[in-house]
């Protein structure tokens, strides 16, 4: 890897760490850069997963204030994230590299629609609860747990726009503000990346230089992203998710 390529990988990690913390989809920045350095697709995917772990952890720490009072929720969702992340990592090595190419843009597009409609959906859900007298479930029920676990399978496989899918599901099924949901999203992403990376350490090839550069860059980016992200209003945060997600769809379709 040349000096110019090393700088490019570090900068990609910095940008991805910030974007992952605020929205998600940082992989769409780092993965093409790693491919441009000459790494094979699977090696690039594995190196990317390993290198972005510090960024996910850094972002979660940056949002620690918003995590208060969500311990039980995180334990419940975290178990599914660990299972899903491990399953996705195993699928990456077992399935062809193109296995998810057709379905991924559809998943991201559906997630964006749910993000846009989330205020209206949430209002309708609250009105229905008031009519029926049912209290809101703090964990979102079995549907949310299953949905987040399946999203984690995808995250362990590739991770592009994983955070957007998390936010769409939680925003639709939890009566919670977006900053607190974003904090949970960062924890789940950190868990998925970590369990997938541990699996990869023993089962796949990776590039140590790329991993180290991404790790340092993403850790710094995670802190910057947390500072910026918590200042955004729900409407602006939702707009950022839609913009980044739309770019993600275009890039995934054109690949």
C-alpha atoms as a PDB file:
ATOM      1  CA  UNK A   1       0.000   0.000   0.000  1.00  0.00           C
ATOM      2  CA  UNK A   2       1.486   3.347  -1.056  1.00  0.00           C
ATOM      3  CA  UNK A   3       1.578   6.458   1.147  1.00  0.00           C
ATOM      4  CA  UNK A   4      -1.207   8.037  -0.897  1.00  0.00           C
ATOM      5  CA  UNK A   5      -3.379   4.949  -0.494  1.00  0.00           C
ATOM      6  CA  UNK A   6      -2.709   4.906   3.248  1.00  0.00           C
ATOM      7  CA  UNK A   7      -3.825   8.525   3.562  1.00  0.00           C
ATOM      8  CA  UNK A   8      -6.947   7.777   1.527  1.00  0.00           C
ATOM      9  CA  UNK A   9      -7.840   4.798   3.742  1.00  0.00           C
ATOM     10  CA  UNK A  10      -7.315   6.845   6.914  1.00  0.00           C
ATOM     11  CA  UNK A  11      -9.483   9.702   5.624  1.00  0.00           C
ATOM     12  CA  UNK A  12     -12.167   7.215   4.548  1.00  0.00           C
ATOM     13  CA  UNK A  13     -12.122   5.738   8.062  1.00  0.00           C
ATOM     14  CA  UNK A  14     -12.447   9.207   9.604  1.00  0.00           C
ATOM     15  CA  UNK A  15     -15.442  10.046   7.406  1.00  0.00           C
ATOM     16  CA  UNK A  16     -17.045   6.642   7.932  1.00  0.00           C
ATOM     17  CA  UNK A  17     -16.696   6.863  11.709  1.00  0.00           C
ATOM     18  CA  UNK A  18     -18.520  10.183  11.750  1.00  0.00           C
ATOM     19  CA  UNK A  19     -21.224   9.172   9.286  1.00  0.00           C
ATOM     20  CA  UNK A  20     -21.852   5.832  11.012  1.00  0.00           C
ATOM     21  CA  UNK A  21     -22.363   7.570  14.347  1.00  0.00           C
ATOM     22  CA  UNK A  22     -24.810  10.141  12.982  1.00  0.00           C
ATOM     23  CA  UNK A  23     -26.624   8.099  10.329  1.00  0.00           C
ATOM     24  CA  UNK A  24     -24.943   4.888   9.162  1.00  0.00           C
ATOM     25  CA  UNK A  25     -23.643   3.765   5.746  1.00  0.00           C
ATOM     26  CA  UNK A  26     -19.995   4.634   6.349  1.00  0.00           C
ATOM     27  CA  UNK A  27     -19.076   1.354   4.674  1.00  0.00           C
ATOM     28  CA  UNK A  28     -20.130   2.904   1.372  1.00  0.00           C
ATOM     29  CA  UNK A  29     -17.142   5.216   1.741  1.00  0.00           C
ATOM     30  CA  UNK A  30     -14.524   2.798   3.049  1.00  0.00           C
ATOM     31  CA  UNK A  31     -15.333  -0.249   0.926  1.00  0.00           C
ATOM     32  CA  UNK A  32     -14.714   1.381  -2.494  1.00  0.00           C
ATOM     33  CA  UNK A  33     -11.488   2.937  -1.183  1.00  0.00           C
ATOM     34  CA  UNK A  34     -10.233  -0.453  -0.005  1.00  0.00           C
ATOM     35  CA  UNK A  35     -11.108  -1.986  -3.372  1.00  0.00           C
ATOM     36  CA  UNK A  36      -9.233   0.855  -5.101  1.00  0.00           C
ATOM     37  CA  UNK A  37      -6.068  -0.106  -3.208  1.00  0.00           C
ATOM     38  CA  UNK A  38      -6.221  -3.525  -4.851  1.00  0.00           C
ATOM     39  CA  UNK A  39      -7.714  -5.617  -2.059  1.00  0.00           C
ATOM     40  CA  UNK A  40     -10.000  -8.510  -3.129  1.00  0.00           C
ATOM     41  CA  UNK A  41     -13.699  -7.941  -2.253  1.00  0.00           C
ATOM     42  CA  UNK A  42     -13.890 -10.425   0.637  1.00  0.00           C
ATOM     43  CA  UNK A  43     -10.572  -9.248   2.108  1.00  0.00           C
ATOM     44  CA  UNK A  44     -11.789  -5.648   1.797  1.00  0.00           C
ATOM     45  CA  UNK A  45     -15.076  -6.519   3.520  1.00  0.00           C
ATOM     46  CA  UNK A  46     -13.320  -8.306   6.374  1.00  0.00           C
ATOM     47  CA  UNK A  47     -10.710  -5.554   6.798  1.00  0.00           C
ATOM     48  CA  UNK A  48     -13.491  -2.985   6.767  1.00  0.00           C
ATOM     49  CA  UNK A  49     -15.447  -4.800   9.485  1.00  0.00           C
ATOM     50  CA  UNK A  50     -12.372  -5.035  11.699  1.00  0.00           C
ATOM     51  CA  UNK A  51     -11.265  -1.455  11.111  1.00  0.00           C
ATOM     52  CA  UNK A  52     -14.628   0.145  11.860  1.00  0.00           C
ATOM     53  CA  UNK A  53     -15.050  -1.497  15.282  1.00  0.00           C
ATOM     54  CA  UNK A  54     -13.271   1.352  17.144  1.00  0.00           C
ATOM     55  CA  UNK A  55     -15.482   3.859  15.322  1.00  0.00           C
ATOM     56  CA  UNK A  56     -18.661   2.059  16.399  1.00  0.00           C
ATOM     57  CA  UNK A  57     -17.471   1.840  20.001  1.00  0.00           C
ATOM     58  CA  UNK A  58     -16.340   5.474  19.946  1.00  0.00           C
ATOM     59  CA  UNK A  59     -19.726   6.587  18.629  1.00  0.00           C
ATOM     60  CA  UNK A  60     -21.551   4.585  21.290  1.00  0.00           C
ATOM     61  CA  UNK A  61     -19.407   6.159  24.013  1.00  0.00           C
ATOM     62  CA  UNK A  62     -20.062   9.590  22.537  1.00  0.00           C
ATOM     63  CA  UNK A  63     -23.804   8.952  22.913  1.00  0.00           C
ATOM     64  CA  UNK A  64     -23.541   7.538  26.454  1.00  0.00           C
ATOM     65  CA  UNK A  65     -25.789  10.287  27.871  1.00  0.00           C
ATOM     66  CA  UNK A  66     -28.641   9.193  25.597  1.00  0.00           C
ATOM     67  CA  UNK A  67     -28.152   5.563  26.632  1.00  0.00           C
ATOM     68  CA  UNK A  68     -29.186   6.173  30.240  1.00  0.00           C
ATOM     69  CA  UNK A  69     -32.264   4.204  31.213  1.00  0.00           C
ATOM     70  CA  UNK A  70     -32.040   1.907  28.182  1.00  0.00           C
ATOM     71  CA  UNK A  71     -30.083  -0.935  29.753  1.00  0.00           C
ATOM     72  CA  UNK A  72     -32.797  -3.589  29.514  1.00  0.00           C
ATOM     73  CA  UNK A  73     -33.625  -2.581  25.965  1.00  0.00           C
ATOM     74  CA  UNK A  74     -29.977  -2.859  24.916  1.00  0.00           C
ATOM     75  CA  UNK A  75     -29.591  -6.262  26.554  1.00  0.00           C
ATOM     76  CA  UNK A  76     -32.637  -7.566  24.686  1.00  0.00           C
ATOM     77  CA  UNK A  77     -31.691  -6.133  21.316  1.00  0.00           C
ATOM     78  CA  UNK A  78     -27.993  -6.837  21.854  1.00  0.00           C
ATOM     79  CA  UNK A  79     -28.548 -10.581  22.125  1.00  0.00           C
ATOM     80  CA  UNK A  80     -30.195 -10.582  18.702  1.00  0.00           C
ATOM     81  CA  UNK A  81     -27.440  -8.353  17.305  1.00  0.00           C
ATOM     82  CA  UNK A  82     -24.743 -10.792  18.423  1.00  0.00           C
ATOM     83  CA  UNK A  83     -26.586 -13.767  16.941  1.00  0.00           C
ATOM     84  CA  UNK A  84     -27.366 -11.930  13.720  1.00  0.00           C
ATOM     85  CA  UNK A  85     -23.840 -10.542  13.332  1.00  0.00           C
ATOM     86  CA  UNK A  86     -22.273 -13.983  13.709  1.00  0.00           C
ATOM     87  CA  UNK A  87     -24.734 -15.485  11.230  1.00  0.00           C
ATOM     88  CA  UNK A  88     -24.070 -12.740   8.693  1.00  0.00           C
ATOM     89  CA  UNK A  89     -20.308 -13.160   8.994  1.00  0.00           C
ATOM     90  CA  UNK A  90     -20.649 -16.892   8.371  1.00  0.00           C
ATOM     91  CA  UNK A  91     -22.846 -16.226   5.332  1.00  0.00           C
ATOM     92  CA  UNK A  92     -20.218 -13.870   3.903  1.00  0.00           C
ATOM     93  CA  UNK A  93     -17.749 -16.728   3.686  1.00  0.00           C
ATOM     94  CA  UNK A  94     -20.320 -19.311   2.581  1.00  0.00           C
ATOM     95  CA  UNK A  95     -22.291 -17.442  -0.100  1.00  0.00           C
ATOM     96  CA  UNK A  96     -21.197 -15.846  -3.390  1.00  0.00           C
ATOM     97  CA  UNK A  97     -20.095 -12.207  -3.120  1.00  0.00           C
ATOM     98  CA  UNK A  98     -23.122 -11.142  -5.201  1.00  0.00           C
ATOM     99  CA  UNK A  99     -25.715 -12.942  -3.079  1.00  0.00           C
ATOM    100  CA  UNK A 100     -27.282  -9.809  -1.551  1.00  0.00           C
ATOM    101  CA  UNK A 101     -26.732  -7.378  -4.423  1.00  0.00           C
ATOM    102  CA  UNK A 102     -30.331  -7.350  -5.661  1.00  0.00           C
ATOM    103  CA  UNK A 103     -32.088  -7.278  -2.313  1.00  0.00           C
ATOM    104  CA  UNK A 104     -29.917  -4.662  -0.565  1.00  0.00           C
ATOM    105  CA  UNK A 105     -31.167  -1.588  -2.508  1.00  0.00           C
ATOM    106  CA  UNK A 106     -34.747  -2.737  -1.891  1.00  0.00           C
ATOM    107  CA  UNK A 107     -34.109  -3.076   1.859  1.00  0.00           C
ATOM    108  CA  UNK A 108     -32.494   0.342   2.076  1.00  0.00           C
ATOM    109  CA  UNK A 109     -35.276   1.940   0.013  1.00  0.00           C
ATOM    110  CA  UNK A 110     -37.953   0.426   2.251  1.00  0.00           C
ATOM    111  CA  UNK A 111     -36.063   1.613   5.330  1.00  0.00           C
ATOM    112  CA  UNK A 112     -35.954   5.162   3.957  1.00  0.00           C
ATOM    113  CA  UNK A 113     -39.697   5.144   3.329  1.00  0.00           C
ATOM    114  CA  UNK A 114     -40.266   4.086   6.932  1.00  0.00           C
ATOM    115  CA  UNK A 115     -37.917   6.810   8.198  1.00  0.00           C
ATOM    116  CA  UNK A 116     -39.813   9.475   6.226  1.00  0.00           C
ATOM    117  CA  UNK A 117     -43.189   8.176   7.409  1.00  0.00           C
ATOM    118  CA  UNK A 118     -42.048   7.564  10.993  1.00  0.00           C
ATOM    119  CA  UNK A 119     -43.720  10.672  12.521  1.00  0.00           C
ATOM    120  CA  UNK A 120     -47.041   9.800  10.881  1.00  0.00           C
ATOM    121  CA  UNK A 121     -46.758   6.117  11.788  1.00  0.00           C
ATOM    122  CA  UNK A 122     -45.812   6.961  15.356  1.00  0.00           C
ATOM    123  CA  UNK A 123     -48.770   9.339  15.691  1.00  0.00           C
ATOM    124  CA  UNK A 124     -51.172   6.712  14.346  1.00  0.00           C
ATOM    125  CA  UNK A 125     -49.785   4.089  16.733  1.00  0.00           C
ATOM    126  CA  UNK A 126     -50.168   6.438  19.728  1.00  0.00           C
ATOM    127  CA  UNK A 127     -53.754   7.292  18.744  1.00  0.00           C
ATOM    128  CA  UNK A 128     -54.582   3.600  18.463  1.00  0.00           C
ATOM    129  CA  UNK A 129     -53.103   2.924  21.902  1.00  0.00           C
ATOM    130  CA  UNK A 130     -55.202   5.721  23.371  1.00  0.00           C
ATOM    131  CA  UNK A 131     -58.363   4.260  21.839  1.00  0.00           C
ATOM    132  CA  UNK A 132     -57.648   0.719  22.996  1.00  0.00           C
ATOM    133  CA  UNK A 133     -56.110   1.648  26.348  1.00  0.00           C
ATOM    134  CA  UNK A 134     -52.942  -0.354  25.655  1.00  0.00           C
ATOM    135  CA  UNK A 135     -49.654   0.877  27.086  1.00  0.00           C
ATOM    136  CA  UNK A 136     -46.609   1.247  24.849  1.00  0.00           C
ATOM    137  CA  UNK A 137     -44.154  -1.646  25.065  1.00  0.00           C
ATOM    138  CA  UNK A 138     -40.670  -0.351  25.966  1.00  0.00           C
ATOM    139  CA  UNK A 139     -39.058  -3.133  23.899  1.00  0.00           C
ATOM    140  CA  UNK A 140     -41.279  -2.825  20.809  1.00  0.00           C
ATOM    141  CA  UNK A 141     -42.482  -6.429  21.072  1.00  0.00           C
ATOM    142  CA  UNK A 142     -41.371  -9.577  19.210  1.00  0.00           C
ATOM    143  CA  UNK A 143     -41.700  -7.927  15.791  1.00  0.00           C
ATOM    144  CA  UNK A 144     -38.969  -5.397  16.572  1.00  0.00           C
ATOM    145  CA  UNK A 145     -36.657  -7.995  18.113  1.00  0.00           C
ATOM    146  CA  UNK A 146     -36.942 -10.239  15.052  1.00  0.00           C
ATOM    147  CA  UNK A 147     -36.527  -7.308  12.665  1.00  0.00           C
ATOM    148  CA  UNK A 148     -33.385  -6.040  14.406  1.00  0.00           C
ATOM    149  CA  UNK A 149     -31.913  -9.547  14.463  1.00  0.00           C
ATOM    150  CA  UNK A 150     -32.456  -9.935  10.715  1.00  0.00           C
ATOM    151  CA  UNK A 151     -30.948  -6.481  10.147  1.00  0.00           C
ATOM    152  CA  UNK A 152     -27.943  -7.652  12.158  1.00  0.00           C
ATOM    153  CA  UNK A 153     -27.556 -10.684   9.872  1.00  0.00           C
ATOM    154  CA  UNK A 154     -27.274  -8.248   6.989  1.00  0.00           C
ATOM    155  CA  UNK A 155     -24.899  -6.098   9.039  1.00  0.00           C
ATOM    156  CA  UNK A 156     -22.583  -9.005   9.696  1.00  0.00           C
ATOM    157  CA  UNK A 157     -22.600  -9.766   5.966  1.00  0.00           C
ATOM    158  CA  UNK A 158     -21.930  -6.297   4.538  1.00  0.00           C
ATOM    159  CA  UNK A 159     -23.119  -3.481   6.908  1.00  0.00           C
ATOM    160  CA  UNK A 160     -23.830  -0.797   4.273  1.00  0.00           C
ATOM    161  CA  UNK A 161     -26.860   1.215   5.495  1.00  0.00           C
ATOM    162  CA  UNK A 162     -27.314  -1.159   8.431  1.00  0.00           C
ATOM    163  CA  UNK A 163     -27.864   1.807  10.747  1.00  0.00           C
ATOM    164  CA  UNK A 164     -30.627   3.181   8.527  1.00  0.00           C
ATOM    165  CA  UNK A 165     -32.514  -0.107   8.757  1.00  0.00           C
ATOM    166  CA  UNK A 166     -32.113  -0.108  12.551  1.00  0.00           C
ATOM    167  CA  UNK A 167     -33.431   3.451  12.816  1.00  0.00           C
ATOM    168  CA  UNK A 168     -36.425   2.774  10.590  1.00  0.00           C
ATOM    169  CA  UNK A 169     -37.495  -0.282  12.594  1.00  0.00           C
ATOM    170  CA  UNK A 170     -37.028   1.307  16.011  1.00  0.00           C
ATOM    171  CA  UNK A 171     -38.603   4.593  14.940  1.00  0.00           C
ATOM    172  CA  UNK A 172     -41.706   2.761  13.758  1.00  0.00           C
ATOM    173  CA  UNK A 173     -42.155   0.473  16.780  1.00  0.00           C
ATOM    174  CA  UNK A 174     -40.773   2.445  19.742  1.00  0.00           C
ATOM    175  CA  UNK A 175     -42.249   5.586  21.293  1.00  0.00           C
ATOM    176  CA  UNK A 176     -38.854   7.251  21.756  1.00  0.00           C
ATOM    177  CA  UNK A 177     -36.992  10.339  20.482  1.00  0.00           C
ATOM    178  CA  UNK A 178     -34.546   9.886  17.620  1.00  0.00           C
ATOM    179  CA  UNK A 179     -31.402  10.809  19.546  1.00  0.00           C
ATOM    180  CA  UNK A 180     -31.991   8.004  22.054  1.00  0.00           C
ATOM    181  CA  UNK A 181     -32.731   5.606  19.203  1.00  0.00           C
ATOM    182  CA  UNK A 182     -29.530   6.717  17.507  1.00  0.00           C
ATOM    183  CA  UNK A 183     -27.611   5.866  20.674  1.00  0.00           C
ATOM    184  CA  UNK A 184     -29.072   2.339  20.675  1.00  0.00           C
ATOM    185  CA  UNK A 185     -28.266   2.014  16.967  1.00  0.00           C
ATOM    186  CA  UNK A 186     -24.609   2.760  17.673  1.00  0.00           C
ATOM    187  CA  UNK A 187     -24.428   0.090  20.373  1.00  0.00           C
ATOM    188  CA  UNK A 188     -26.039  -2.525  18.127  1.00  0.00           C
ATOM    189  CA  UNK A 189     -23.676  -1.662  15.261  1.00  0.00           C
ATOM    190  CA  UNK A 190     -20.693  -1.973  17.620  1.00  0.00           C
ATOM    191  CA  UNK A 191     -21.871  -5.415  18.753  1.00  0.00           C
ATOM    192  CA  UNK A 192     -22.452  -6.652  15.205  1.00  0.00           C
ATOM    193  CA  UNK A 193     -19.084  -5.372  13.983  1.00  0.00           C
ATOM    194  CA  UNK A 194     -17.278  -6.883  16.944  1.00  0.00           C
ATOM    195  CA  UNK A 195     -18.783 -10.371  16.763  1.00  0.00           C
ATOM    196  CA  UNK A 196     -18.317 -10.454  12.980  1.00  0.00           C
ATOM    197  CA  UNK A 197     -14.721  -9.331  13.343  1.00  0.00           C
ATOM    198  CA  UNK A 198     -13.930 -11.984  15.935  1.00  0.00           C
ATOM    199  CA  UNK A 199     -15.290 -14.590  13.540  1.00  0.00           C
ATOM    200  CA  UNK A 200     -13.221 -13.152  10.686  1.00  0.00           C
ATOM    201  CA  UNK A 201     -10.025 -13.194  12.757  1.00  0.00           C
ATOM    202  CA  UNK A 202     -10.112 -16.972  12.756  1.00  0.00           C
ATOM    203  CA  UNK A 203     -11.769 -17.681   9.413  1.00  0.00           C
ATOM    204  CA  UNK A 204     -10.779 -15.111   6.784  1.00  0.00           C
ATOM    205  CA  UNK A 205      -7.915 -13.066   5.367  1.00  0.00           C
ATOM    206  CA  UNK A 206      -7.552  -9.363   6.153  1.00  0.00           C
ATOM    207  CA  UNK A 207      -5.039  -6.563   5.571  1.00  0.00           C
ATOM    208  CA  UNK A 208      -3.459  -5.353   8.826  1.00  0.00           C
ATOM    209  CA  UNK A 209      -2.371  -1.957   7.499  1.00  0.00           C
ATOM    210  CA  UNK A 210      -5.853  -1.181   6.225  1.00  0.00           C
ATOM    211  CA  UNK A 211      -7.389  -2.335   9.512  1.00  0.00           C
ATOM    212  CA  UNK A 212      -5.069  -0.125  11.588  1.00  0.00           C
ATOM    213  CA  UNK A 213      -5.668   2.969   9.455  1.00  0.00           C
ATOM    214  CA  UNK A 214      -9.425   2.498   9.489  1.00  0.00           C
ATOM    215  CA  UNK A 215      -9.388   1.868  13.245  1.00  0.00           C
ATOM    216  CA  UNK A 216      -7.612   5.124  14.093  1.00  0.00           C
ATOM    217  CA  UNK A 217      -9.605   7.170  11.602  1.00  0.00           C
ATOM    218  CA  UNK A 218     -12.996   5.738  12.568  1.00  0.00           C
ATOM    219  CA  UNK A 219     -12.333   6.176  16.312  1.00  0.00           C
ATOM    220  CA  UNK A 220     -11.679   9.878  15.783  1.00  0.00           C
ATOM    221  CA  UNK A 221     -14.644  10.152  13.431  1.00  0.00           C
ATOM    222  CA  UNK A 222     -16.933   8.475  15.957  1.00  0.00           C
ATOM    223  CA  UNK A 223     -16.256  11.177  18.542  1.00  0.00           C
ATOM    224  CA  UNK A 224     -16.740  13.953  16.005  1.00  0.00           C
ATOM    225  CA  UNK A 225     -19.945  12.353  14.773  1.00  0.00           C
ATOM    226  CA  UNK A 226     -21.364  12.107  18.294  1.00  0.00           C
ATOM    227  CA  UNK A 227     -20.717  15.811  18.920  1.00  0.00           C
ATOM    228  CA  UNK A 228     -22.416  16.817  15.701  1.00  0.00           C
ATOM    229  CA  UNK A 229     -25.217  14.256  15.759  1.00  0.00           C
ATOM    230  CA  UNK A 230     -26.635  15.093  19.177  1.00  0.00           C
ATOM    231  CA  UNK A 231     -27.007  18.739  18.110  1.00  0.00           C
ATOM    232  CA  UNK A 232     -29.330  17.861  15.232  1.00  0.00           C
ATOM    233  CA  UNK A 233     -33.094  18.210  15.574  1.00  0.00           C
ATOM    234  CA  UNK A 234     -35.214  15.104  14.840  1.00  0.00           C
ATOM    235  CA  UNK A 235     -36.278  16.569  11.483  1.00  0.00           C
ATOM    236  CA  UNK A 236     -32.702  17.364  10.447  1.00  0.00           C
ATOM    237  CA  UNK A 237     -31.457  13.965  11.615  1.00  0.00           C
ATOM    238  CA  UNK A 238     -34.235  12.286   9.649  1.00  0.00           C
ATOM    239  CA  UNK A 239     -33.290  14.374   6.607  1.00  0.00           C
ATOM    240  CA  UNK A 240     -29.642  13.334   6.923  1.00  0.00           C
ATOM    241  CA  UNK A 241     -30.692   9.687   7.027  1.00  0.00           C
ATOM    242  CA  UNK A 242     -32.782  10.094   3.869  1.00  0.00           C
ATOM    243  CA  UNK A 243     -30.004  11.902   1.972  1.00  0.00           C
ATOM    244  CA  UNK A 244     -27.292   9.423   2.927  1.00  0.00           C
ATOM    245  CA  UNK A 245     -29.618   6.490   2.299  1.00  0.00           C
ATOM    246  CA  UNK A 246     -30.534   7.784  -1.147  1.00  0.00           C
ATOM    247  CA  UNK A 247     -26.863   8.102  -2.052  1.00  0.00           C
ATOM    248  CA  UNK A 248     -26.352   4.575  -0.743  1.00  0.00           C
ATOM    249  CA  UNK A 249     -29.092   3.198  -3.001  1.00  0.00           C
ATOM    250  CA  UNK A 250     -27.604   4.880  -6.069  1.00  0.00           C
ATOM    251  CA  UNK A 251     -24.140   3.553  -5.279  1.00  0.00           C
ATOM    252  CA  UNK A 252     -25.421   0.037  -4.603  1.00  0.00           C
ATOM    253  CA  UNK A 253     -27.404  -0.040  -7.863  1.00  0.00           C
ATOM    254  CA  UNK A 254     -24.499   1.261  -9.933  1.00  0.00           C
ATOM    255  CA  UNK A 255     -21.934  -1.151  -8.489  1.00  0.00           C
END
